[in-house]
Structure formats: structure tokens, C-alpha cells
């Protein structure tokens, strides 16, 4: 299982950012999920040539690879997880953000694990990271991301819509009491 590399995208960091930091088999056993520095990929075990789906986790960091290399963040090993029906993928990111990708609708959401969000009945609000100067009120600039706050470990309950997120010395458990779009 190796994706052919586009020579036009080759850089000093290519090997580092394409190194697999996590791999998980789907519950059905048909697929494999891999996480590298910038993407999550879904592979069909019957088709080794290339992934069948690729999700950009934090492509907005591509222009910051030099400084991420200098502060060793480029070597961070993010994990990934499947939900119980293999229809949604979850992985961590910086700033205590975690991402969910719905494989059926192709929708994705960025959420933040924080003390505010861990209060009973708190509703997680989607977040957006933007690169340019123009942004909405709730958006966060890529330049203000906190790279010391990172979610490297994530887990999804195999039967319930419950997720566990490890953020430095905190463990967050979120349960979807209402049927959300990302279950």
C-alpha cells in the first residue's frame, strides 16, 4: 500500500509528512485507515494501488512546514479512529481541535476540546481555521494556533456515539445525546 507521489509536490519535508503515524482496520474488516502528518486516508484492502479517499486534516499548515520542522511539531504522531459503522473518521489536530469526516456526505467538522466544552449539556460549536486576513468572528487564524495544545490520541466507542479525546493531561469524553450530523 503506497500512494504514488506527485513529483511536482516533492519537497524537503515530503518523506516526513508522508510517514504513517497511525493505522486502523475498519470494523467491517474491508478498509484500512492511515494517518500521516497532513491527511487521513481510507484504503480498500482489495485495491493496494492508492487510497480510495483522502481527507485534508490541516492543509493550511503546508506553508508553515519550515517552522514546524524547527520546533519539532512536524514529528507529532496523530492517531485516527472509525465510528462504529465505519461511516465517520476522527483525528486530532493542533489548538486542541479534532476533526470528523463523514464518508457518505463528504462533510467535515472541526471541534475544540476545552474546559468550556466539557460542561454538562455543552454543545460543541464547529471551528474554522483560516489562512487569509479575512475571517468570520468564530474563525481562528492559522498564525494564532497553539502548537503546544494538540490532540494526538482519539478513540470512538464501537457501538455507541461516544468519543474519547486526549489533550495533554486531560481526557475528554463526549457523547451525542441528540442525533447529530456526525454519528
N, C-alpha and C. Protein backbone atom coordinates (compact mmCIF):
# COMPACT_ATOMS: atom_id res chain seq x y z
N UNK A 1 0.85 -1.18 0.00
CA UNK A 1 0.00 0.00 0.00
C UNK A 1 0.88 1.23 0.00
N UNK A 2 0.99 1.83 -1.14
CA UNK A 2 1.80 3.04 -1.25
C UNK A 2 1.21 3.93 -2.33
N UNK A 3 0.93 5.17 -1.95
CA UNK A 3 0.37 6.10 -2.92
C UNK A 3 1.49 6.68 -3.76
N UNK A 4 1.34 6.67 -5.10
CA UNK A 4 2.37 7.27 -5.94
C UNK A 4 2.49 8.76 -5.64
N UNK A 5 3.72 9.24 -5.52
CA UNK A 5 3.94 10.64 -5.18
C UNK A 5 3.98 11.50 -6.44
N UNK A 6 3.33 12.64 -6.36
CA UNK A 6 3.34 13.60 -7.46
C UNK A 6 4.68 14.34 -7.39
N UNK A 7 5.54 14.21 -8.41
CA UNK A 7 6.86 14.86 -8.37
C UNK A 7 6.79 16.38 -8.21
N UNK A 8 5.69 16.99 -8.65
CA UNK A 8 5.58 18.45 -8.53
C UNK A 8 5.35 18.90 -7.08
N UNK A 9 4.92 17.97 -6.22
CA UNK A 9 4.70 18.30 -4.81
C UNK A 9 5.88 17.91 -3.92
N UNK A 10 6.93 17.39 -4.50
CA UNK A 10 8.09 16.92 -3.74
C UNK A 10 8.81 18.10 -3.09
N UNK A 11 9.16 17.93 -1.81
CA UNK A 11 9.91 18.96 -1.10
C UNK A 11 10.83 18.29 -0.08
N UNK A 12 11.59 19.10 0.63
CA UNK A 12 12.47 18.60 1.69
C UNK A 12 11.68 17.82 2.73
N UNK A 13 10.41 18.19 2.94
CA UNK A 13 9.59 17.61 4.00
C UNK A 13 8.74 16.43 3.54
N UNK A 14 8.78 16.10 2.26
CA UNK A 14 7.88 15.08 1.71
C UNK A 14 7.90 13.76 2.47
N UNK A 15 9.08 13.25 2.75
CA UNK A 15 9.18 11.96 3.43
C UNK A 15 8.65 12.04 4.86
N UNK A 16 8.93 13.14 5.54
CA UNK A 16 8.47 13.31 6.93
C UNK A 16 6.95 13.39 6.98
N UNK A 17 6.35 14.23 6.15
CA UNK A 17 4.90 14.43 6.24
C UNK A 17 4.11 13.26 5.66
N UNK A 18 4.74 12.41 4.87
CA UNK A 18 4.03 11.25 4.33
C UNK A 18 4.21 10.00 5.19
N UNK A 19 5.01 10.08 6.25
CA UNK A 19 5.20 8.94 7.15
C UNK A 19 3.91 8.65 7.89
N UNK A 20 3.52 7.39 7.91
CA UNK A 20 2.27 6.99 8.57
C UNK A 20 2.47 6.99 10.08
N UNK A 21 1.59 7.72 10.79
CA UNK A 21 1.69 7.79 12.25
C UNK A 21 0.67 6.89 12.94
N UNK A 22 -0.35 6.44 12.20
CA UNK A 22 -1.34 5.53 12.78
C UNK A 22 -2.03 4.76 11.67
N UNK A 23 -2.50 3.58 12.01
CA UNK A 23 -3.25 2.74 11.06
C UNK A 23 -4.31 1.97 11.85
N UNK A 24 -5.52 1.92 11.30
CA UNK A 24 -6.62 1.21 11.96
C UNK A 24 -7.42 0.46 10.90
N UNK A 25 -7.78 -0.80 11.21
CA UNK A 25 -8.70 -1.54 10.34
C UNK A 25 -10.12 -1.10 10.66
N UNK A 26 -10.97 -1.09 9.64
CA UNK A 26 -12.38 -0.75 9.86
C UNK A 26 -13.05 -1.90 10.59
N UNK A 27 -14.21 -1.62 11.19
CA UNK A 27 -14.94 -2.66 11.91
C UNK A 27 -15.40 -3.76 10.96
N UNK A 28 -15.69 -3.39 9.72
CA UNK A 28 -16.13 -4.38 8.72
C UNK A 28 -14.96 -5.25 8.25
N UNK A 29 -13.73 -4.77 8.45
CA UNK A 29 -12.56 -5.52 8.01
C UNK A 29 -12.19 -5.28 6.56
N UNK A 30 -12.97 -4.51 5.84
CA UNK A 30 -12.70 -4.28 4.42
C UNK A 30 -11.73 -3.13 4.17
N UNK A 31 -11.70 -2.16 5.07
CA UNK A 31 -10.91 -0.95 4.85
C UNK A 31 -9.82 -0.78 5.90
N UNK A 32 -8.89 0.07 5.56
CA UNK A 32 -7.82 0.44 6.47
C UNK A 32 -7.73 1.97 6.45
N UNK A 33 -7.52 2.54 7.63
CA UNK A 33 -7.42 3.99 7.78
C UNK A 33 -5.98 4.30 8.15
N UNK A 34 -5.35 5.25 7.45
CA UNK A 34 -3.99 5.65 7.81
C UNK A 34 -3.96 7.16 8.03
N UNK A 35 -3.07 7.56 8.93
CA UNK A 35 -2.91 8.99 9.23
C UNK A 35 -1.47 9.36 9.01
N UNK A 36 -1.22 10.37 8.21
CA UNK A 36 0.11 10.95 8.11
C UNK A 36 0.00 12.37 8.65
N UNK A 37 1.02 13.19 8.46
CA UNK A 37 1.02 14.49 9.12
C UNK A 37 -0.13 15.40 8.67
N UNK A 38 -0.44 15.41 7.39
CA UNK A 38 -1.45 16.34 6.87
C UNK A 38 -2.77 15.71 6.47
N UNK A 39 -2.82 14.38 6.33
CA UNK A 39 -4.03 13.75 5.80
C UNK A 39 -4.43 12.49 6.56
N UNK A 40 -5.68 12.09 6.32
CA UNK A 40 -6.20 10.78 6.71
C UNK A 40 -6.62 10.11 5.41
N UNK A 41 -6.24 8.84 5.24
CA UNK A 41 -6.56 8.13 4.00
C UNK A 41 -7.30 6.84 4.31
N UNK A 42 -8.28 6.53 3.45
CA UNK A 42 -9.01 5.27 3.54
C UNK A 42 -8.55 4.40 2.38
N UNK A 43 -8.15 3.18 2.71
CA UNK A 43 -7.68 2.21 1.73
C UNK A 43 -8.66 1.04 1.68
N UNK A 44 -8.96 0.57 0.48
CA UNK A 44 -9.72 -0.66 0.31
C UNK A 44 -8.68 -1.78 0.27
N UNK A 45 -8.83 -2.78 1.14
CA UNK A 45 -7.82 -3.84 1.22
C UNK A 45 -7.71 -4.64 -0.08
N UNK A 46 -8.71 -4.54 -0.95
CA UNK A 46 -8.67 -5.23 -2.24
C UNK A 46 -8.03 -4.40 -3.34
N UNK A 47 -7.68 -3.14 -3.02
CA UNK A 47 -7.08 -2.25 -4.02
C UNK A 47 -5.85 -1.57 -3.40
N UNK A 48 -4.69 -2.13 -3.61
CA UNK A 48 -3.47 -1.64 -2.97
C UNK A 48 -2.84 -0.43 -3.65
N UNK A 49 -3.24 -0.13 -4.86
CA UNK A 49 -2.55 0.89 -5.67
C UNK A 49 -2.58 2.29 -5.07
N UNK A 50 -3.72 2.68 -4.54
CA UNK A 50 -3.86 4.04 -4.00
C UNK A 50 -5.06 4.07 -3.06
N UNK A 51 -5.11 5.08 -2.18
CA UNK A 51 -6.26 5.18 -1.28
C UNK A 51 -7.53 5.51 -2.06
N UNK A 52 -8.66 5.07 -1.54
CA UNK A 52 -9.93 5.37 -2.22
C UNK A 52 -10.49 6.71 -1.75
N UNK A 53 -10.03 7.19 -0.59
CA UNK A 53 -10.45 8.50 -0.08
C UNK A 53 -9.27 9.15 0.63
N UNK A 54 -9.12 10.46 0.45
CA UNK A 54 -8.10 11.24 1.15
C UNK A 54 -8.76 12.48 1.73
N UNK A 55 -8.55 12.70 3.02
CA UNK A 55 -9.12 13.86 3.71
C UNK A 55 -7.99 14.75 4.21
N UNK A 56 -8.05 16.03 3.86
CA UNK A 56 -7.05 17.00 4.31
C UNK A 56 -7.38 17.40 5.75
N UNK A 57 -6.48 17.11 6.68
CA UNK A 57 -6.73 17.41 8.09
C UNK A 57 -6.37 18.85 8.40
N UNK A 58 -5.15 19.24 8.09
CA UNK A 58 -4.76 20.64 8.29
C UNK A 58 -3.81 21.07 7.18
N UNK A 59 -4.37 21.16 5.98
CA UNK A 59 -3.60 21.56 4.80
C UNK A 59 -3.10 22.99 4.93
N UNK A 60 -3.77 23.79 5.77
CA UNK A 60 -3.35 25.17 6.00
C UNK A 60 -1.97 25.26 6.65
N UNK A 61 -1.42 24.14 7.12
CA UNK A 61 -0.08 24.14 7.71
C UNK A 61 1.03 23.94 6.68
N UNK A 62 0.66 23.62 5.44
CA UNK A 62 1.66 23.34 4.41
C UNK A 62 2.67 24.47 4.26
N UNK A 63 2.22 25.71 4.37
CA UNK A 63 3.13 26.85 4.23
C UNK A 63 3.98 27.07 5.49
N UNK A 64 3.68 26.36 6.56
CA UNK A 64 4.39 26.53 7.83
C UNK A 64 5.33 25.36 8.15
N UNK A 65 5.57 24.48 7.19
CA UNK A 65 6.36 23.27 7.45
C UNK A 65 7.76 23.58 7.96
N UNK A 66 8.35 24.66 7.48
CA UNK A 66 9.71 25.03 7.93
C UNK A 66 9.74 25.29 9.44
N UNK A 67 8.84 26.12 9.93
CA UNK A 67 8.84 26.42 11.36
C UNK A 67 8.37 25.21 12.18
N UNK A 68 7.48 24.39 11.62
CA UNK A 68 7.04 23.18 12.32
C UNK A 68 8.18 22.17 12.41
N UNK A 69 9.08 22.19 11.44
CA UNK A 69 10.26 21.34 11.49
C UNK A 69 11.23 21.85 12.57
N UNK A 70 11.40 23.16 12.62
CA UNK A 70 12.33 23.75 13.60
C UNK A 70 11.87 23.53 15.03
N UNK A 71 10.56 23.53 15.29
CA UNK A 71 10.09 23.31 16.66
C UNK A 71 9.68 21.85 16.91
N UNK A 72 10.03 20.95 15.98
CA UNK A 72 9.79 19.50 16.08
C UNK A 72 8.33 19.08 16.00
N UNK A 73 7.40 20.00 15.79
CA UNK A 73 5.99 19.63 15.68
C UNK A 73 5.73 18.73 14.48
N UNK A 74 6.54 18.86 13.45
CA UNK A 74 6.35 18.07 12.24
C UNK A 74 6.50 16.57 12.52
N UNK A 75 7.08 16.24 13.68
CA UNK A 75 7.26 14.83 14.06
C UNK A 75 6.14 14.33 14.97
N UNK A 76 5.13 15.16 15.25
CA UNK A 76 4.00 14.73 16.07
C UNK A 76 3.28 13.58 15.39
N UNK A 77 2.84 12.62 16.19
CA UNK A 77 2.17 11.42 15.67
C UNK A 77 0.70 11.43 16.06
N UNK A 78 -0.14 11.83 15.12
CA UNK A 78 -1.58 11.89 15.36
C UNK A 78 -2.22 10.53 15.07
N UNK A 79 -3.19 10.15 15.90
CA UNK A 79 -3.93 8.91 15.70
C UNK A 79 -5.23 9.20 14.96
N UNK A 80 -5.90 8.14 14.54
CA UNK A 80 -7.18 8.27 13.86
C UNK A 80 -8.13 7.19 14.38
N UNK A 81 -9.43 7.36 14.13
CA UNK A 81 -10.42 6.40 14.63
C UNK A 81 -11.62 6.35 13.69
N UNK A 82 -12.26 5.18 13.65
CA UNK A 82 -13.51 4.97 12.92
C UNK A 82 -14.67 5.03 13.91
N UNK A 83 -15.84 5.47 13.45
CA UNK A 83 -17.03 5.28 14.28
C UNK A 83 -17.49 3.84 14.10
N UNK A 84 -18.51 3.41 14.84
CA UNK A 84 -18.94 2.01 14.83
C UNK A 84 -19.40 1.48 13.49
N UNK A 85 -19.93 2.36 12.63
CA UNK A 85 -20.42 1.92 11.32
C UNK A 85 -19.43 2.20 10.19
N UNK A 86 -18.23 2.65 10.54
CA UNK A 86 -17.18 2.97 9.56
C UNK A 86 -17.56 4.11 8.61
N UNK A 87 -18.56 4.91 8.98
CA UNK A 87 -19.01 5.98 8.09
C UNK A 87 -18.40 7.34 8.42
N UNK A 88 -17.83 7.47 9.63
CA UNK A 88 -17.21 8.73 10.03
C UNK A 88 -15.81 8.45 10.57
N UNK A 89 -14.88 9.33 10.24
CA UNK A 89 -13.48 9.22 10.64
C UNK A 89 -13.17 10.39 11.57
N UNK A 90 -12.36 10.13 12.59
CA UNK A 90 -11.97 11.21 13.52
C UNK A 90 -10.46 11.20 13.69
N UNK A 91 -9.89 12.39 13.85
CA UNK A 91 -8.46 12.51 14.13
C UNK A 91 -8.21 13.83 14.86
N UNK A 92 -7.07 13.93 15.48
CA UNK A 92 -6.72 15.13 16.23
C UNK A 92 -5.97 16.14 15.38
N UNK A 93 -5.80 17.33 15.96
CA UNK A 93 -5.08 18.42 15.31
C UNK A 93 -4.51 19.33 16.40
N UNK A 94 -4.01 20.47 16.00
CA UNK A 94 -3.45 21.42 16.96
C UNK A 94 -4.54 22.31 17.54
N UNK A 95 -4.17 23.07 18.58
CA UNK A 95 -5.07 24.01 19.25
C UNK A 95 -6.20 23.27 19.98
N UNK A 96 -5.96 22.00 20.34
CA UNK A 96 -6.98 21.13 20.95
C UNK A 96 -8.19 20.93 20.03
N UNK A 97 -7.96 21.02 18.72
CA UNK A 97 -9.01 20.76 17.75
C UNK A 97 -8.99 19.28 17.40
N UNK A 98 -10.16 18.77 17.05
CA UNK A 98 -10.23 17.44 16.44
C UNK A 98 -11.19 17.53 15.27
N UNK A 99 -10.94 16.69 14.28
CA UNK A 99 -11.69 16.74 13.02
C UNK A 99 -12.50 15.47 12.84
N UNK A 100 -13.67 15.62 12.25
CA UNK A 100 -14.51 14.47 11.88
C UNK A 100 -14.88 14.62 10.42
N UNK A 101 -14.77 13.51 9.70
CA UNK A 101 -15.08 13.49 8.27
C UNK A 101 -16.15 12.44 8.02
N UNK A 102 -17.29 12.86 7.49
CA UNK A 102 -18.38 11.94 7.16
C UNK A 102 -18.12 11.40 5.76
N UNK A 103 -17.92 10.11 5.65
CA UNK A 103 -17.56 9.49 4.37
C UNK A 103 -18.72 9.49 3.39
N UNK A 104 -19.95 9.48 3.88
CA UNK A 104 -21.11 9.43 2.99
C UNK A 104 -21.47 10.80 2.44
N UNK A 105 -21.54 11.79 3.30
CA UNK A 105 -21.95 13.13 2.86
C UNK A 105 -20.77 13.99 2.42
N UNK A 106 -19.55 13.52 2.71
CA UNK A 106 -18.30 14.26 2.43
C UNK A 106 -18.23 15.56 3.23
N UNK A 107 -19.04 15.68 4.27
CA UNK A 107 -18.97 16.85 5.15
C UNK A 107 -17.92 16.61 6.22
N UNK A 108 -17.34 17.70 6.70
CA UNK A 108 -16.37 17.58 7.79
C UNK A 108 -16.63 18.69 8.79
N UNK A 109 -16.15 18.47 10.00
CA UNK A 109 -16.34 19.46 11.05
C UNK A 109 -15.07 19.49 11.91
N UNK A 110 -14.72 20.68 12.36
CA UNK A 110 -13.60 20.87 13.29
C UNK A 110 -14.20 21.30 14.62
N UNK A 111 -13.86 20.56 15.68
CA UNK A 111 -14.38 20.86 17.02
C UNK A 111 -13.21 21.07 17.97
N UNK A 112 -13.49 21.72 19.10
CA UNK A 112 -12.43 22.01 20.07
C UNK A 112 -12.73 21.33 21.40
N UNK A 113 -11.74 20.64 21.95
CA UNK A 113 -11.85 20.05 23.28
C UNK A 113 -11.31 21.08 24.27
N UNK A 114 -12.18 21.53 25.16
CA UNK A 114 -11.77 22.54 26.14
C UNK A 114 -12.60 22.38 27.41
N UNK A 115 -12.22 23.08 28.44
CA UNK A 115 -12.98 23.03 29.70
C UNK A 115 -14.41 23.52 29.47
N UNK A 116 -14.59 24.52 28.61
CA UNK A 116 -15.93 25.02 28.30
C UNK A 116 -16.79 23.93 27.69
N UNK A 117 -16.19 23.18 26.73
CA UNK A 117 -16.96 22.17 26.01
C UNK A 117 -17.23 20.93 26.86
N UNK A 118 -16.57 20.79 28.01
CA UNK A 118 -16.75 19.59 28.82
C UNK A 118 -17.83 19.76 29.89
N UNK A 119 -18.45 20.93 29.94
CA UNK A 119 -19.53 21.14 30.90
C UNK A 119 -20.74 20.31 30.48
N UNK A 120 -21.54 19.84 31.45
CA UNK A 120 -22.73 19.06 31.10
C UNK A 120 -23.64 19.85 30.15
N UNK A 121 -24.16 19.17 29.17
CA UNK A 121 -25.07 19.73 28.17
C UNK A 121 -24.44 20.80 27.29
N UNK A 122 -23.14 20.91 27.31
CA UNK A 122 -22.47 21.87 26.42
C UNK A 122 -22.57 21.35 24.99
N UNK A 123 -22.80 22.25 24.06
CA UNK A 123 -22.87 21.89 22.65
C UNK A 123 -21.57 22.34 22.00
N UNK A 124 -20.92 21.42 21.31
CA UNK A 124 -19.67 21.76 20.63
C UNK A 124 -19.98 22.58 19.39
N UNK A 125 -19.33 23.73 19.27
CA UNK A 125 -19.51 24.59 18.10
C UNK A 125 -18.41 24.30 17.09
N UNK A 126 -18.77 24.14 15.82
CA UNK A 126 -17.75 23.95 14.80
C UNK A 126 -16.79 25.14 14.74
N UNK A 127 -15.51 24.87 14.46
CA UNK A 127 -14.48 25.90 14.35
C UNK A 127 -13.89 25.86 12.95
N UNK A 128 -13.35 26.98 12.51
CA UNK A 128 -12.67 27.04 11.21
C UNK A 128 -11.34 27.73 11.38
N UNK A 129 -10.33 27.18 10.71
CA UNK A 129 -9.01 27.82 10.69
C UNK A 129 -8.88 28.47 9.32
N UNK A 130 -8.49 29.73 9.29
CA UNK A 130 -8.34 30.41 8.01
C UNK A 130 -6.92 30.93 7.85
N UNK A 131 -6.50 31.00 6.61
CA UNK A 131 -5.14 31.41 6.29
C UNK A 131 -5.07 32.89 5.98
N UNK A 132 -6.04 33.40 5.26
CA UNK A 132 -6.03 34.81 4.86
C UNK A 132 -6.39 35.74 6.00
N UNK A 133 -6.39 37.04 5.71
CA UNK A 133 -6.70 38.03 6.73
C UNK A 133 -8.19 38.16 7.02
N UNK A 134 -9.02 37.83 6.04
CA UNK A 134 -10.46 37.98 6.19
C UNK A 134 -11.04 36.72 6.85
N UNK A 135 -11.76 36.91 7.96
CA UNK A 135 -12.34 35.75 8.60
C UNK A 135 -13.60 36.12 9.37
N UNK A 136 -14.41 35.09 9.64
CA UNK A 136 -15.62 35.30 10.43
C UNK A 136 -15.27 35.39 11.90
N UNK A 137 -16.22 35.82 12.71
CA UNK A 137 -15.99 36.06 14.13
C UNK A 137 -15.44 34.84 14.87
N UNK A 138 -15.99 33.65 14.61
CA UNK A 138 -15.56 32.45 15.33
C UNK A 138 -14.35 31.76 14.71
N UNK A 139 -13.89 32.24 13.56
CA UNK A 139 -12.74 31.63 12.90
C UNK A 139 -11.46 31.94 13.67
N UNK A 140 -10.48 31.07 13.52
CA UNK A 140 -9.18 31.29 14.15
C UNK A 140 -8.12 31.34 13.06
N UNK A 141 -7.20 32.27 13.19
CA UNK A 141 -6.14 32.42 12.19
C UNK A 141 -5.10 31.32 12.39
N UNK A 142 -4.56 30.83 11.29
CA UNK A 142 -3.52 29.80 11.36
C UNK A 142 -2.32 30.30 12.17
N UNK A 143 -2.09 31.61 12.16
CA UNK A 143 -0.96 32.18 12.91
C UNK A 143 -1.19 32.20 14.41
N UNK A 144 -2.42 32.05 14.86
CA UNK A 144 -2.68 32.07 16.30
C UNK A 144 -2.95 30.69 16.88
N UNK A 145 -2.71 29.63 16.10
CA UNK A 145 -2.87 28.27 16.61
C UNK A 145 -1.84 27.99 17.70
N UNK A 146 -2.23 27.29 18.74
CA UNK A 146 -1.32 26.90 19.81
C UNK A 146 -0.83 25.48 19.53
N UNK A 147 0.44 25.37 19.13
CA UNK A 147 1.00 24.07 18.75
C UNK A 147 1.40 23.24 19.96
N UNK A 148 1.33 23.81 21.17
CA UNK A 148 1.59 23.02 22.38
C UNK A 148 0.33 22.28 22.81
N UNK A 149 -0.82 22.74 22.33
CA UNK A 149 -2.09 22.06 22.61
C UNK A 149 -2.41 21.20 21.40
N UNK A 150 -2.29 19.90 21.56
CA UNK A 150 -2.51 19.01 20.43
C UNK A 150 -3.26 17.77 20.88
N UNK A 151 -4.11 17.29 20.02
CA UNK A 151 -4.84 16.06 20.29
C UNK A 151 -4.22 14.97 19.45
N UNK A 152 -3.39 14.16 20.09
CA UNK A 152 -2.70 13.08 19.40
C UNK A 152 -3.50 11.77 19.48
N UNK A 153 -4.30 11.60 20.54
CA UNK A 153 -4.99 10.33 20.78
C UNK A 153 -6.50 10.52 20.76
N UNK A 154 -7.17 9.69 19.96
CA UNK A 154 -8.63 9.72 19.86
C UNK A 154 -9.15 8.29 19.84
N UNK A 155 -10.36 8.10 20.35
CA UNK A 155 -10.99 6.77 20.32
C UNK A 155 -12.50 6.95 20.18
N UNK A 156 -13.11 6.00 19.48
CA UNK A 156 -14.55 6.03 19.27
C UNK A 156 -15.12 4.73 19.81
N UNK A 157 -16.15 4.82 20.63
CA UNK A 157 -16.80 3.63 21.17
C UNK A 157 -17.31 2.79 20.00
N UNK A 158 -17.15 1.45 20.05
CA UNK A 158 -17.53 0.63 18.90
C UNK A 158 -19.04 0.56 18.62
N UNK A 159 -19.88 0.78 19.65
CA UNK A 159 -21.32 0.64 19.44
C UNK A 159 -22.10 1.92 19.72
N UNK A 160 -21.58 2.77 20.58
CA UNK A 160 -22.29 4.00 20.96
C UNK A 160 -21.63 5.21 20.31
N UNK A 161 -22.36 6.31 20.30
CA UNK A 161 -21.79 7.54 19.73
C UNK A 161 -21.08 8.31 20.84
N UNK A 162 -20.01 7.70 21.34
CA UNK A 162 -19.20 8.27 22.41
C UNK A 162 -17.76 8.33 21.93
N UNK A 163 -17.12 9.49 22.11
CA UNK A 163 -15.72 9.62 21.72
C UNK A 163 -14.88 10.02 22.92
N UNK A 164 -13.62 9.60 22.88
CA UNK A 164 -12.65 9.99 23.91
C UNK A 164 -11.53 10.74 23.22
N UNK A 165 -11.16 11.88 23.79
CA UNK A 165 -10.13 12.76 23.22
C UNK A 165 -9.10 13.02 24.31
N UNK A 166 -7.84 12.73 24.02
CA UNK A 166 -6.77 13.03 24.98
C UNK A 166 -6.06 14.30 24.54
N UNK A 167 -6.11 15.32 25.40
CA UNK A 167 -5.47 16.60 25.12
C UNK A 167 -4.51 16.89 26.26
N UNK A 168 -3.23 16.77 26.00
CA UNK A 168 -2.16 16.88 27.00
C UNK A 168 -2.53 16.07 28.25
N UNK A 169 -2.77 16.72 29.39
CA UNK A 169 -3.05 15.94 30.61
C UNK A 169 -4.55 15.85 30.90
N UNK A 170 -5.39 16.06 29.91
CA UNK A 170 -6.84 15.98 30.08
C UNK A 170 -7.42 14.90 29.18
N UNK A 171 -8.43 14.22 29.69
CA UNK A 171 -9.18 13.26 28.88
C UNK A 171 -10.61 13.76 28.79
N UNK A 172 -11.08 13.98 27.57
CA UNK A 172 -12.43 14.46 27.35
C UNK A 172 -13.27 13.33 26.78
N UNK A 173 -14.46 13.15 27.34
CA UNK A 173 -15.41 12.17 26.84
C UNK A 173 -16.63 12.96 26.36
N UNK A 174 -16.99 12.77 25.10
CA UNK A 174 -18.16 13.44 24.55
C UNK A 174 -19.16 12.38 24.11
N UNK A 175 -20.43 12.64 24.41
CA UNK A 175 -21.49 11.74 24.00
C UNK A 175 -22.55 12.54 23.27
N UNK A 176 -22.99 12.01 22.14
CA UNK A 176 -24.02 12.67 21.36
C UNK A 176 -25.38 12.24 21.89
N UNK A 177 -26.01 13.10 22.67
CA UNK A 177 -27.33 12.78 23.24
C UNK A 177 -28.42 12.97 22.19
N UNK A 178 -28.19 13.88 21.27
CA UNK A 178 -29.13 14.15 20.19
C UNK A 178 -28.47 13.60 18.93
N UNK A 179 -29.24 13.08 18.02
CA UNK A 179 -28.64 12.58 16.79
C UNK A 179 -28.07 13.73 15.99
N UNK A 180 -26.75 13.81 15.94
CA UNK A 180 -26.10 14.89 15.19
C UNK A 180 -25.82 14.43 13.77
N UNK A 181 -25.27 15.34 12.99
CA UNK A 181 -24.91 15.02 11.61
C UNK A 181 -23.73 14.07 11.55
N UNK A 182 -22.90 14.08 12.58
CA UNK A 182 -21.67 13.28 12.55
C UNK A 182 -21.78 12.10 13.52
N UNK A 183 -22.57 11.08 13.20
CA UNK A 183 -22.64 9.93 14.10
C UNK A 183 -22.19 8.67 13.45
